[in-house]
Amino acid sequence: MTYSIVALDFESKLIGVGVASGSVAVGSRVPWARAGVGGVATQAYTNPMIGVWVLRFLEEGYNAGEALFRALAMDSSPSMRQVAVVSAKGDVATHTGNNVPRHYAEHRGHGYACVGNMLVSKRVVEEMCKVFNESKGSLAERLLQALEAGHREGGDVRGDHSAAILVVGEHPIYGKAYDKIIDLRVDYSTNPIGELKELYWLWIKSR
């Protein structure tokens, strides 16, 4: 009951996931990413293990579609899952099961994918991808702009209560041993995306 975007920045090679939801603490289970491997948003009736499995298959050399197919084959209820995947090469894959809550939608672009379920309308996902594709700035800033666009279109039908962004890449000090460049979340709020954006800029100023 969530909307998300997964994306690769082809220039910086950073990989990111942005997510917002009517659920509490969505950042604790939906976004998954690993530098040089890929990013995953696993949602609806969330099975967080799908994130683990997809990243493992991507690391073994499968493309996004193959990794997603293999991960769903390991799941007991794929009809209840919604997943978006981007690999470090920029190929994308999505899955929306037949038992995912409506309204649901998915949209893919060059190096990014947006998915959502229990939405006010399918325009939430369409507008997220449109804004991301047209936006400027860092990957994190573009993810935030996409989440803001989804929220403006109505977001989660229950109202948005939590949000998060995760960006991974080769760390300037620790390399790939610690790849989290940005890992920010708002676990409960009546304005989670607005607060996430404020948190991001506070983080930027504190560096």
N, C-alpha and C. Protein backbone atom coordinates (compact mmCIF):
# COMPACT_ATOMS: atom_id res chain seq x y z
N MET A 1 0.85 -1.16 0.00
CA MET A 1 0.00 0.00 0.00
C MET A 1 0.90 1.23 0.00
N THR A 2 1.59 1.36 -1.15
CA THR A 2 2.82 2.15 -1.18
C THR A 2 3.12 2.59 -2.60
N TYR A 3 3.90 3.66 -2.76
CA TYR A 3 4.43 4.00 -4.08
C TYR A 3 5.93 4.27 -3.99
N SER A 4 6.65 3.77 -5.02
CA SER A 4 8.11 3.77 -4.97
C SER A 4 8.70 4.05 -6.34
N ILE A 5 9.97 4.46 -6.31
CA ILE A 5 10.77 4.59 -7.52
C ILE A 5 12.14 3.99 -7.27
N VAL A 6 12.65 3.22 -8.22
CA VAL A 6 14.03 2.73 -8.20
C VAL A 6 14.73 3.32 -9.42
N ALA A 7 15.99 3.73 -9.25
CA ALA A 7 16.65 4.42 -10.36
C ALA A 7 18.15 4.31 -10.30
N LEU A 8 18.76 4.34 -11.47
CA LEU A 8 20.21 4.40 -11.63
C LEU A 8 20.58 5.75 -12.22
N ASP A 9 21.59 6.40 -11.64
CA ASP A 9 22.18 7.59 -12.24
C ASP A 9 23.34 7.11 -13.11
N PHE A 10 23.18 7.19 -14.42
CA PHE A 10 24.17 6.63 -15.33
C PHE A 10 25.52 7.34 -15.23
N GLU A 11 25.50 8.61 -14.87
CA GLU A 11 26.76 9.37 -14.81
C GLU A 11 27.54 9.05 -13.54
N SER A 12 26.88 9.13 -12.39
CA SER A 12 27.58 8.90 -11.11
C SER A 12 27.65 7.43 -10.72
N LYS A 13 26.82 6.60 -11.37
CA LYS A 13 26.68 5.17 -11.06
C LYS A 13 25.99 4.92 -9.71
N LEU A 14 25.43 5.97 -9.12
CA LEU A 14 24.67 5.80 -7.89
C LEU A 14 23.34 5.11 -8.20
N ILE A 15 22.86 4.32 -7.25
CA ILE A 15 21.59 3.62 -7.37
C ILE A 15 20.73 4.05 -6.20
N GLY A 16 19.45 4.35 -6.46
CA GLY A 16 18.60 4.84 -5.38
C GLY A 16 17.19 4.29 -5.41
N VAL A 17 16.57 4.34 -4.24
CA VAL A 17 15.17 3.96 -4.08
C VAL A 17 14.49 5.04 -3.25
N GLY A 18 13.34 5.49 -3.71
CA GLY A 18 12.51 6.42 -2.95
C GLY A 18 11.15 5.80 -2.73
N VAL A 19 10.58 5.97 -1.53
CA VAL A 19 9.31 5.30 -1.22
C VAL A 19 8.49 6.14 -0.26
N ALA A 20 7.17 6.09 -0.43
CA ALA A 20 6.23 6.72 0.50
C ALA A 20 5.04 5.79 0.67
N SER A 21 4.38 5.87 1.84
CA SER A 21 3.32 4.92 2.13
C SER A 21 2.39 5.43 3.22
N GLY A 22 1.20 4.85 3.26
CA GLY A 22 0.29 5.06 4.37
C GLY A 22 0.64 4.20 5.56
N SER A 23 1.56 3.27 5.40
CA SER A 23 2.02 2.41 6.48
C SER A 23 3.09 3.11 7.31
N VAL A 24 3.34 2.61 8.49
CA VAL A 24 4.37 3.14 9.37
C VAL A 24 5.73 2.54 9.00
N ALA A 25 6.78 3.36 9.03
CA ALA A 25 8.17 2.91 8.87
C ALA A 25 8.40 2.13 7.59
N VAL A 26 7.94 2.66 6.47
CA VAL A 26 8.07 1.95 5.20
C VAL A 26 9.53 1.77 4.80
N GLY A 27 10.40 2.68 5.25
CA GLY A 27 11.81 2.59 4.90
C GLY A 27 12.53 1.41 5.51
N SER A 28 11.89 0.74 6.47
CA SER A 28 12.54 -0.39 7.13
C SER A 28 12.42 -1.69 6.34
N ARG A 29 11.58 -1.73 5.30
CA ARG A 29 11.35 -3.01 4.62
C ARG A 29 11.22 -2.94 3.11
N VAL A 30 10.87 -1.78 2.54
CA VAL A 30 10.64 -1.71 1.09
C VAL A 30 11.92 -1.47 0.29
N PRO A 31 12.78 -0.49 0.64
CA PRO A 31 13.94 -0.20 -0.22
C PRO A 31 15.15 -1.08 0.07
N TRP A 32 15.74 -1.60 -1.02
CA TRP A 32 16.94 -2.42 -0.95
C TRP A 32 17.87 -2.00 -2.08
N ALA A 33 19.16 -1.88 -1.80
CA ALA A 33 20.10 -1.51 -2.86
C ALA A 33 21.51 -1.90 -2.45
N ARG A 34 22.34 -2.17 -3.47
CA ARG A 34 23.74 -2.50 -3.24
C ARG A 34 24.57 -1.88 -4.35
N ALA A 35 25.63 -1.18 -3.97
CA ALA A 35 26.48 -0.50 -4.95
C ALA A 35 27.02 -1.47 -5.97
N GLY A 36 26.97 -1.06 -7.25
CA GLY A 36 27.47 -1.90 -8.32
C GLY A 36 26.63 -3.10 -8.65
N VAL A 37 25.47 -3.22 -7.98
CA VAL A 37 24.60 -4.39 -8.17
C VAL A 37 23.22 -3.96 -8.65
N GLY A 38 22.48 -3.21 -7.83
CA GLY A 38 21.15 -2.79 -8.24
C GLY A 38 20.32 -2.29 -7.08
N GLY A 39 19.07 -1.95 -7.39
CA GLY A 39 18.13 -1.48 -6.39
C GLY A 39 16.79 -2.18 -6.54
N VAL A 40 16.07 -2.32 -5.43
CA VAL A 40 14.80 -3.04 -5.41
C VAL A 40 13.82 -2.30 -4.50
N ALA A 41 12.57 -2.22 -4.93
CA ALA A 41 11.46 -1.84 -4.06
C ALA A 41 10.52 -3.04 -4.01
N THR A 42 10.33 -3.61 -2.83
CA THR A 42 9.43 -4.76 -2.66
C THR A 42 8.29 -4.34 -1.75
N GLN A 43 7.05 -4.41 -2.25
CA GLN A 43 5.93 -3.81 -1.53
C GLN A 43 4.62 -4.57 -1.75
N ALA A 44 3.50 -3.90 -1.52
CA ALA A 44 2.15 -4.48 -1.43
C ALA A 44 2.09 -5.30 -0.14
N TYR A 45 1.76 -6.59 -0.20
CA TYR A 45 1.87 -7.43 1.00
C TYR A 45 3.34 -7.85 1.07
N THR A 46 4.14 -6.97 1.67
CA THR A 46 5.58 -6.97 1.48
C THR A 46 6.28 -8.22 1.99
N ASN A 47 7.09 -8.81 1.11
CA ASN A 47 8.02 -9.83 1.52
C ASN A 47 9.42 -9.24 1.36
N PRO A 48 10.05 -8.79 2.46
CA PRO A 48 11.36 -8.15 2.33
C PRO A 48 12.44 -9.08 1.77
N MET A 49 12.24 -10.40 1.89
CA MET A 49 13.22 -11.33 1.35
C MET A 49 13.38 -11.21 -0.16
N ILE A 50 12.36 -10.70 -0.84
CA ILE A 50 12.48 -10.50 -2.29
C ILE A 50 13.62 -9.54 -2.59
N GLY A 51 13.77 -8.51 -1.76
CA GLY A 51 14.90 -7.60 -1.93
C GLY A 51 16.23 -8.31 -1.80
N VAL A 52 16.34 -9.17 -0.80
CA VAL A 52 17.56 -9.95 -0.58
C VAL A 52 17.84 -10.86 -1.77
N TRP A 53 16.81 -11.56 -2.21
CA TRP A 53 16.98 -12.53 -3.30
C TRP A 53 17.34 -11.86 -4.62
N VAL A 54 16.63 -10.78 -4.94
CA VAL A 54 16.91 -10.09 -6.21
C VAL A 54 18.34 -9.59 -6.25
N LEU A 55 18.80 -8.97 -5.18
CA LEU A 55 20.18 -8.46 -5.16
C LEU A 55 21.18 -9.60 -5.30
N ARG A 56 20.89 -10.73 -4.71
CA ARG A 56 21.78 -11.88 -4.82
C ARG A 56 21.87 -12.36 -6.27
N PHE A 57 20.71 -12.44 -6.92
CA PHE A 57 20.72 -12.89 -8.32
C PHE A 57 21.37 -11.87 -9.25
N LEU A 58 21.15 -10.59 -8.98
CA LEU A 58 21.83 -9.56 -9.78
C LEU A 58 23.34 -9.68 -9.63
N GLU A 59 23.79 -9.91 -8.40
CA GLU A 59 25.22 -10.03 -8.14
C GLU A 59 25.80 -11.26 -8.84
N GLU A 60 24.99 -12.28 -9.05
CA GLU A 60 25.44 -13.49 -9.75
C GLU A 60 25.48 -13.30 -11.26
N GLY A 61 25.00 -12.14 -11.74
CA GLY A 61 25.12 -11.83 -13.16
C GLY A 61 23.83 -11.85 -13.95
N TYR A 62 22.71 -12.15 -13.32
CA TYR A 62 21.43 -12.13 -14.02
C TYR A 62 20.99 -10.69 -14.25
N ASN A 63 20.24 -10.45 -15.34
CA ASN A 63 19.70 -9.11 -15.55
C ASN A 63 18.49 -8.89 -14.65
N ALA A 64 17.92 -7.69 -14.70
CA ALA A 64 16.83 -7.34 -13.78
C ALA A 64 15.64 -8.27 -13.92
N GLY A 65 15.24 -8.57 -15.16
CA GLY A 65 14.09 -9.44 -15.38
C GLY A 65 14.32 -10.85 -14.90
N GLU A 66 15.50 -11.37 -15.16
CA GLU A 66 15.83 -12.73 -14.73
C GLU A 66 15.92 -12.82 -13.20
N ALA A 67 16.54 -11.81 -12.60
CA ALA A 67 16.67 -11.80 -11.14
C ALA A 67 15.31 -11.73 -10.47
N LEU A 68 14.42 -10.90 -11.01
CA LEU A 68 13.08 -10.78 -10.46
C LEU A 68 12.31 -12.09 -10.64
N PHE A 69 12.39 -12.69 -11.80
CA PHE A 69 11.71 -13.96 -12.07
C PHE A 69 12.15 -15.04 -11.09
N ARG A 70 13.45 -15.14 -10.87
CA ARG A 70 13.98 -16.16 -9.98
C ARG A 70 13.58 -15.89 -8.53
N ALA A 71 13.57 -14.63 -8.13
CA ALA A 71 13.16 -14.29 -6.77
C ALA A 71 11.69 -14.60 -6.53
N LEU A 72 10.85 -14.27 -7.48
CA LEU A 72 9.42 -14.55 -7.33
C LEU A 72 9.14 -16.05 -7.30
N ALA A 73 9.98 -16.83 -7.98
CA ALA A 73 9.82 -18.28 -7.97
C ALA A 73 10.10 -18.87 -6.58
N MET A 74 10.84 -18.12 -5.76
CA MET A 74 11.15 -18.57 -4.41
C MET A 74 10.08 -18.12 -3.39
N ASP A 75 9.19 -17.26 -3.82
CA ASP A 75 8.18 -16.69 -2.93
C ASP A 75 6.93 -17.56 -2.91
N SER A 76 6.28 -17.63 -1.76
CA SER A 76 5.08 -18.47 -1.63
C SER A 76 3.83 -17.82 -2.20
N SER A 77 3.82 -16.48 -2.32
CA SER A 77 2.61 -15.78 -2.77
C SER A 77 2.95 -14.62 -3.70
N PRO A 78 3.51 -14.90 -4.87
CA PRO A 78 3.88 -13.80 -5.77
C PRO A 78 2.71 -12.96 -6.24
N SER A 79 1.50 -13.51 -6.21
CA SER A 79 0.33 -12.74 -6.64
C SER A 79 0.02 -11.59 -5.69
N MET A 80 0.63 -11.59 -4.51
CA MET A 80 0.38 -10.55 -3.51
C MET A 80 1.51 -9.52 -3.44
N ARG A 81 2.49 -9.65 -4.34
CA ARG A 81 3.65 -8.78 -4.29
C ARG A 81 3.67 -7.77 -5.44
N GLN A 82 4.29 -6.66 -5.16
CA GLN A 82 4.62 -5.68 -6.20
C GLN A 82 6.09 -5.32 -6.04
N VAL A 83 6.83 -5.38 -7.14
CA VAL A 83 8.28 -5.22 -7.06
C VAL A 83 8.77 -4.40 -8.25
N ALA A 84 9.76 -3.55 -8.01
CA ALA A 84 10.48 -2.85 -9.07
C ALA A 84 11.97 -3.08 -8.87
N VAL A 85 12.68 -3.28 -9.98
CA VAL A 85 14.11 -3.59 -9.94
C VAL A 85 14.85 -2.76 -10.98
N VAL A 86 16.01 -2.24 -10.61
CA VAL A 86 16.94 -1.66 -11.58
C VAL A 86 18.32 -2.27 -11.31
N SER A 87 19.01 -2.66 -12.36
CA SER A 87 20.35 -3.21 -12.19
C SER A 87 21.38 -2.09 -12.34
N ALA A 88 22.63 -2.39 -11.99
CA ALA A 88 23.70 -1.42 -12.13
C ALA A 88 24.01 -1.11 -13.59
N LYS A 89 23.49 -1.92 -14.50
CA LYS A 89 23.65 -1.67 -15.94
C LYS A 89 22.51 -0.81 -16.50
N GLY A 90 21.45 -0.63 -15.69
CA GLY A 90 20.35 0.24 -16.11
C GLY A 90 19.14 -0.48 -16.64
N ASP A 91 19.17 -1.83 -16.73
CA ASP A 91 17.97 -2.53 -17.16
C ASP A 91 16.99 -2.61 -15.98
N VAL A 92 15.70 -2.59 -16.29
CA VAL A 92 14.67 -2.54 -15.26
C VAL A 92 13.66 -3.66 -15.45
N ALA A 93 12.96 -3.98 -14.35
CA ALA A 93 11.90 -4.99 -14.40
C ALA A 93 10.89 -4.65 -13.31
N THR A 94 9.62 -4.99 -13.57
CA THR A 94 8.57 -4.76 -12.58
C THR A 94 7.64 -5.97 -12.53
N HIS A 95 6.95 -6.10 -11.40
CA HIS A 95 5.97 -7.16 -11.23
C HIS A 95 4.85 -6.63 -10.36
N THR A 96 3.61 -6.85 -10.78
CA THR A 96 2.43 -6.54 -9.97
C THR A 96 1.51 -7.76 -10.00
N GLY A 97 1.37 -8.41 -8.85
CA GLY A 97 0.54 -9.60 -8.76
C GLY A 97 -0.94 -9.31 -8.84
N ASN A 98 -1.72 -10.32 -9.18
CA ASN A 98 -3.17 -10.16 -9.37
C ASN A 98 -3.91 -9.80 -8.09
N ASN A 99 -3.32 -10.09 -6.94
CA ASN A 99 -4.00 -9.81 -5.67
C ASN A 99 -3.46 -8.58 -4.95
N VAL A 100 -2.73 -7.74 -5.67
CA VAL A 100 -2.24 -6.48 -5.12
C VAL A 100 -3.41 -5.50 -5.03
N PRO A 101 -3.50 -4.70 -3.95
CA PRO A 101 -4.63 -3.77 -3.78
C PRO A 101 -4.70 -2.71 -4.89
N ARG A 102 -5.91 -2.47 -5.37
CA ARG A 102 -6.14 -1.42 -6.36
C ARG A 102 -6.33 -0.08 -5.66
N HIS A 103 -6.13 1.02 -6.40
CA HIS A 103 -5.57 1.12 -7.74
C HIS A 103 -4.09 0.79 -7.68
N TYR A 104 -3.60 0.05 -8.68
CA TYR A 104 -2.18 -0.20 -8.77
C TYR A 104 -1.69 0.19 -10.16
N ALA A 105 -0.38 0.45 -10.24
CA ALA A 105 0.20 0.86 -11.53
C ALA A 105 1.70 0.63 -11.49
N GLU A 106 2.27 0.53 -12.68
CA GLU A 106 3.72 0.46 -12.82
C GLU A 106 4.11 1.16 -14.11
N HIS A 107 5.30 1.73 -14.12
CA HIS A 107 5.79 2.46 -15.29
C HIS A 107 7.31 2.35 -15.33
N ARG A 108 7.85 2.16 -16.52
CA ARG A 108 9.30 2.03 -16.66
C ARG A 108 9.85 3.10 -17.59
N GLY A 109 11.08 3.50 -17.32
CA GLY A 109 11.80 4.40 -18.20
C GLY A 109 13.23 3.93 -18.34
N HIS A 110 14.08 4.76 -18.93
CA HIS A 110 15.48 4.40 -19.16
C HIS A 110 16.24 4.48 -17.84
N GLY A 111 16.47 3.32 -17.22
CA GLY A 111 17.21 3.28 -15.97
C GLY A 111 16.39 3.54 -14.73
N TYR A 112 15.07 3.53 -14.84
CA TYR A 112 14.23 3.75 -13.66
C TYR A 112 12.88 3.08 -13.83
N ALA A 113 12.22 2.83 -12.71
CA ALA A 113 10.88 2.25 -12.72
C ALA A 113 10.11 2.76 -11.51
N CYS A 114 8.82 2.96 -11.68
CA CYS A 114 7.94 3.42 -10.61
C CYS A 114 6.79 2.41 -10.46
N VAL A 115 6.43 2.11 -9.22
CA VAL A 115 5.31 1.21 -8.94
C VAL A 115 4.51 1.75 -7.77
N GLY A 116 3.22 1.40 -7.74
CA GLY A 116 2.38 1.82 -6.62
C GLY A 116 1.14 0.96 -6.53
N ASN A 117 0.60 0.87 -5.32
CA ASN A 117 -0.65 0.15 -5.10
C ASN A 117 -1.44 0.82 -3.99
N MET A 118 -2.75 0.54 -3.96
CA MET A 118 -3.69 1.23 -3.09
C MET A 118 -3.54 2.75 -3.24
N LEU A 119 -3.51 3.17 -4.50
CA LEU A 119 -3.31 4.57 -4.85
C LEU A 119 -4.64 5.28 -5.05
N VAL A 120 -4.62 6.59 -4.92
CA VAL A 120 -5.79 7.40 -5.26
C VAL A 120 -6.12 7.20 -6.74
N SER A 121 -5.08 7.16 -7.59
CA SER A 121 -5.27 6.88 -9.01
C SER A 121 -3.94 6.44 -9.61
N LYS A 122 -4.00 5.89 -10.82
CA LYS A 122 -2.79 5.45 -11.50
C LYS A 122 -1.89 6.63 -11.87
N ARG A 123 -2.44 7.83 -11.88
CA ARG A 123 -1.65 9.02 -12.22
C ARG A 123 -0.53 9.27 -11.22
N VAL A 124 -0.65 8.72 -10.02
CA VAL A 124 0.41 8.87 -9.02
C VAL A 124 1.73 8.37 -9.59
N VAL A 125 1.72 7.16 -10.13
CA VAL A 125 2.93 6.55 -10.68
C VAL A 125 3.36 7.22 -11.98
N GLU A 126 2.41 7.54 -12.83
CA GLU A 126 2.73 8.18 -14.10
C GLU A 126 3.42 9.52 -13.87
N GLU A 127 2.92 10.29 -12.94
CA GLU A 127 3.49 11.61 -12.68
C GLU A 127 4.86 11.50 -12.01
N MET A 128 5.03 10.51 -11.15
CA MET A 128 6.34 10.28 -10.53
C MET A 128 7.41 10.09 -11.60
N CYS A 129 7.14 9.21 -12.54
CA CYS A 129 8.13 8.91 -13.58
C CYS A 129 8.35 10.10 -14.50
N LYS A 130 7.29 10.82 -14.81
CA LYS A 130 7.41 11.99 -15.67
C LYS A 130 8.31 13.04 -15.02
N VAL A 131 8.07 13.32 -13.75
CA VAL A 131 8.85 14.33 -13.06
C VAL A 131 10.30 13.88 -12.89
N PHE A 132 10.51 12.61 -12.55
CA PHE A 132 11.87 12.11 -12.41
C PHE A 132 12.63 12.26 -13.72
N ASN A 133 12.01 11.90 -14.81
CA ASN A 133 12.65 11.97 -16.12
C ASN A 133 13.01 13.39 -16.50
N GLU A 134 12.21 14.36 -16.08
CA GLU A 134 12.42 15.76 -16.46
C GLU A 134 13.22 16.55 -15.44
N SER A 135 13.48 15.97 -14.27
CA SER A 135 14.10 16.72 -13.17
C SER A 135 15.61 16.83 -13.34
N LYS A 136 16.19 17.78 -12.61
CA LYS A 136 17.63 18.01 -12.58
C LYS A 136 18.12 17.86 -11.14
N GLY A 137 19.44 17.79 -10.99
CA GLY A 137 20.03 17.70 -9.66
C GLY A 137 20.59 16.33 -9.38
N SER A 138 20.94 16.10 -8.12
CA SER A 138 21.50 14.80 -7.73
C SER A 138 20.43 13.73 -7.79
N LEU A 139 20.85 12.48 -7.73
CA LEU A 139 19.89 11.38 -7.75
C LEU A 139 18.92 11.49 -6.57
N ALA A 140 19.43 11.79 -5.39
CA ALA A 140 18.56 11.93 -4.21
C ALA A 140 17.53 13.02 -4.40
N GLU A 141 17.93 14.15 -4.96
CA GLU A 141 17.01 15.25 -5.20
C GLU A 141 15.94 14.88 -6.22
N ARG A 142 16.32 14.13 -7.22
CA ARG A 142 15.35 13.70 -8.24
C ARG A 142 14.38 12.68 -7.66
N LEU A 143 14.86 11.80 -6.78
CA LEU A 143 13.96 10.86 -6.10
C LEU A 143 12.95 11.61 -5.24
N LEU A 144 13.42 12.62 -4.53
CA LEU A 144 12.51 13.42 -3.70
C LEU A 144 11.48 14.15 -4.55
N GLN A 145 11.90 14.67 -5.68
CA GLN A 145 10.97 15.34 -6.59
C GLN A 145 9.91 14.37 -7.10
N ALA A 146 10.32 13.15 -7.38
CA ALA A 146 9.37 12.13 -7.84
C ALA A 146 8.36 11.81 -6.74
N LEU A 147 8.83 11.65 -5.50
CA LEU A 147 7.90 11.38 -4.39
C LEU A 147 6.94 12.54 -4.18
N GLU A 148 7.44 13.76 -4.28
CA GLU A 148 6.57 14.93 -4.15
C GLU A 148 5.49 14.93 -5.23
N ALA A 149 5.87 14.54 -6.45
CA ALA A 149 4.92 14.49 -7.55
C ALA A 149 3.83 13.46 -7.28
N GLY A 150 4.22 12.29 -6.77
CA GLY A 150 3.24 11.28 -6.43
C GLY A 150 2.29 11.74 -5.34
N HIS A 151 2.84 12.45 -4.37
CA HIS A 151 2.01 12.98 -3.28
C HIS A 151 1.01 14.01 -3.80
N ARG A 152 1.45 14.87 -4.69
CA ARG A 152 0.55 15.89 -5.26
C ARG A 152 -0.63 15.26 -5.99
N GLU A 153 -0.40 14.08 -6.56
CA GLU A 153 -1.48 13.38 -7.28
C GLU A 153 -2.39 12.59 -6.34
N GLY A 154 -2.11 12.63 -5.05
CA GLY A 154 -2.98 11.97 -4.08
C GLY A 154 -2.32 10.87 -3.28
N GLY A 155 -1.24 10.27 -3.83
CA GLY A 155 -0.48 9.28 -3.10
C GLY A 155 -1.30 8.08 -2.67
N ASP A 156 -0.99 7.57 -1.49
CA ASP A 156 -1.67 6.42 -0.89
C ASP A 156 -3.09 6.84 -0.51
N VAL A 157 -4.05 6.01 -0.82
CA VAL A 157 -5.45 6.35 -0.56
C VAL A 157 -5.72 6.56 0.94
N ARG A 158 -4.89 6.00 1.79
CA ARG A 158 -5.05 6.15 3.24
C ARG A 158 -4.39 7.42 3.75
N GLY A 159 -3.68 8.14 2.85
CA GLY A 159 -2.84 9.25 3.27
C GLY A 159 -1.41 8.77 3.45
N ASP A 160 -0.46 9.65 3.20
CA ASP A 160 0.95 9.28 3.32
C ASP A 160 1.41 9.50 4.76
N HIS A 161 2.02 8.48 5.35
CA HIS A 161 2.44 8.56 6.75
C HIS A 161 3.91 8.26 6.98
N SER A 162 4.61 7.69 6.00
CA SER A 162 6.06 7.48 6.14
C SER A 162 6.71 7.55 4.77
N ALA A 163 8.01 7.82 4.77
CA ALA A 163 8.74 7.96 3.51
C ALA A 163 10.22 7.73 3.77
N ALA A 164 10.96 7.38 2.69
CA ALA A 164 12.39 7.12 2.83
C ALA A 164 13.09 7.25 1.48
N ILE A 165 14.37 7.57 1.53
CA ILE A 165 15.24 7.47 0.36
C ILE A 165 16.52 6.73 0.76
N LEU A 166 16.95 5.87 -0.15
CA LEU A 166 18.20 5.12 0.03
C LEU A 166 19.01 5.27 -1.25
N VAL A 167 20.24 5.75 -1.11
CA VAL A 167 21.14 5.90 -2.25
C VAL A 167 22.46 5.21 -1.91
N VAL A 168 22.91 4.33 -2.81
CA VAL A 168 24.16 3.60 -2.58
C VAL A 168 25.13 3.85 -3.72
N GLY A 169 26.39 3.70 -3.40
CA GLY A 169 27.45 3.86 -4.39
C GLY A 169 28.78 3.60 -3.73
N GLU A 170 29.85 3.81 -4.48
CA GLU A 170 31.17 3.61 -3.92
C GLU A 170 31.48 4.76 -2.97
N HIS A 171 31.62 4.46 -1.70
CA HIS A 171 31.83 5.47 -0.68
C HIS A 171 33.20 6.13 -0.86
N PRO A 172 33.29 7.46 -0.71
CA PRO A 172 34.58 8.14 -0.93
C PRO A 172 35.69 7.68 0.02
N ILE A 173 35.32 7.13 1.19
CA ILE A 173 36.31 6.68 2.16
C ILE A 173 36.37 5.16 2.23
N TYR A 174 35.20 4.51 2.28
CA TYR A 174 35.14 3.08 2.57
C TYR A 174 34.92 2.22 1.33
N GLY A 175 34.82 2.84 0.16
CA GLY A 175 34.62 2.07 -1.07
C GLY A 175 33.28 1.36 -1.05
N LYS A 176 33.26 0.11 -1.48
CA LYS A 176 32.02 -0.66 -1.50
C LYS A 176 31.79 -1.44 -0.22
N ALA A 177 32.77 -1.37 0.71
CA ALA A 177 32.60 -2.07 1.98
C ALA A 177 31.44 -1.48 2.78
N TYR A 178 31.25 -0.18 2.66
CA TYR A 178 30.07 0.49 3.24
C TYR A 178 29.54 1.40 2.16
N ASP A 179 28.45 1.01 1.53
CA ASP A 179 28.02 1.68 0.31
C ASP A 179 26.85 2.64 0.47
N LYS A 180 26.38 2.85 1.69
CA LYS A 180 25.24 3.75 1.87
C LYS A 180 25.70 5.20 1.82
N ILE A 181 25.34 5.87 0.74
CA ILE A 181 25.65 7.29 0.59
C ILE A 181 24.60 8.13 1.33
N ILE A 182 23.34 7.76 1.16
CA ILE A 182 22.23 8.43 1.84
C ILE A 182 21.24 7.36 2.30
N ASP A 183 20.83 7.44 3.55
CA ASP A 183 19.85 6.50 4.09
C ASP A 183 19.00 7.28 5.09
N LEU A 184 17.94 7.91 4.59
CA LEU A 184 17.11 8.80 5.40
C LEU A 184 15.67 8.31 5.39
N ARG A 185 14.98 8.45 6.53
CA ARG A 185 13.59 8.01 6.59
C ARG A 185 12.81 8.81 7.61
N VAL A 186 11.53 8.93 7.34
CA VAL A 186 10.56 9.48 8.29
C VAL A 186 9.58 8.37 8.57
N ASP A 187 9.57 7.86 9.79
CA ASP A 187 8.81 6.65 10.10
C ASP A 187 7.32 6.90 10.36
N TYR A 188 6.96 8.09 10.84
CA TYR A 188 5.53 8.41 10.97
C TYR A 188 5.35 9.92 11.03
N SER A 189 4.46 10.43 10.20
CA SER A 189 4.19 11.86 10.14
C SER A 189 2.93 12.09 9.31
N THR A 190 2.31 13.23 9.49
CA THR A 190 1.22 13.63 8.60
C THR A 190 1.76 14.32 7.35
N ASN A 191 3.07 14.59 7.33
CA ASN A 191 3.72 15.20 6.18
C ASN A 191 5.09 14.55 5.96
N PRO A 192 5.12 13.25 5.69
CA PRO A 192 6.40 12.54 5.66
C PRO A 192 7.33 12.97 4.54
N ILE A 193 6.80 13.28 3.37
CA ILE A 193 7.68 13.66 2.26
C ILE A 193 8.26 15.04 2.49
N GLY A 194 7.44 15.95 3.01
CA GLY A 194 7.95 17.28 3.34
C GLY A 194 9.04 17.21 4.39
N GLU A 195 8.84 16.38 5.41
CA GLU A 195 9.85 16.23 6.45
C GLU A 195 11.09 15.51 5.94
N LEU A 196 10.90 14.56 5.04
CA LEU A 196 12.05 13.87 4.45
C LEU A 196 12.90 14.84 3.64
N LYS A 197 12.24 15.72 2.92
CA LYS A 197 12.97 16.73 2.15
C LYS A 197 13.75 17.66 3.08
N GLU A 198 13.13 18.10 4.18
CA GLU A 198 13.83 18.94 5.15
C GLU A 198 15.02 18.19 5.76
N LEU A 199 14.82 16.92 6.05
CA LEU A 199 15.89 16.10 6.62
C LEU A 199 17.05 15.97 5.65
N TYR A 200 16.73 15.83 4.38
CA TYR A 200 17.77 15.73 3.36
C TYR A 200 18.63 16.99 3.33
N TRP A 201 17.99 18.15 3.35
CA TRP A 201 18.76 19.40 3.28
C TRP A 201 19.54 19.64 4.56
N LEU A 202 19.02 19.22 5.70
CA LEU A 202 19.80 19.29 6.95
C LEU A 202 21.03 18.39 6.85
N TRP A 203 20.85 17.22 6.26
CA TRP A 203 21.97 16.29 6.07
C TRP A 203 23.02 16.90 5.15
N ILE A 204 22.58 17.54 4.08
CA ILE A 204 23.51 18.19 3.14
C ILE A 204 24.32 19.27 3.87
N LYS A 205 23.66 20.08 4.68
CA LYS A 205 24.34 21.17 5.39
C LYS A 205 25.32 20.66 6.43
N SER A 206 25.05 19.47 6.96
CA SER A 206 25.89 18.95 8.04
C SER A 206 27.15 18.26 7.54
N ARG A 207 27.26 18.05 6.25
CA ARG A 207 28.41 17.31 5.71
C ARG A 207 29.69 18.13 5.81
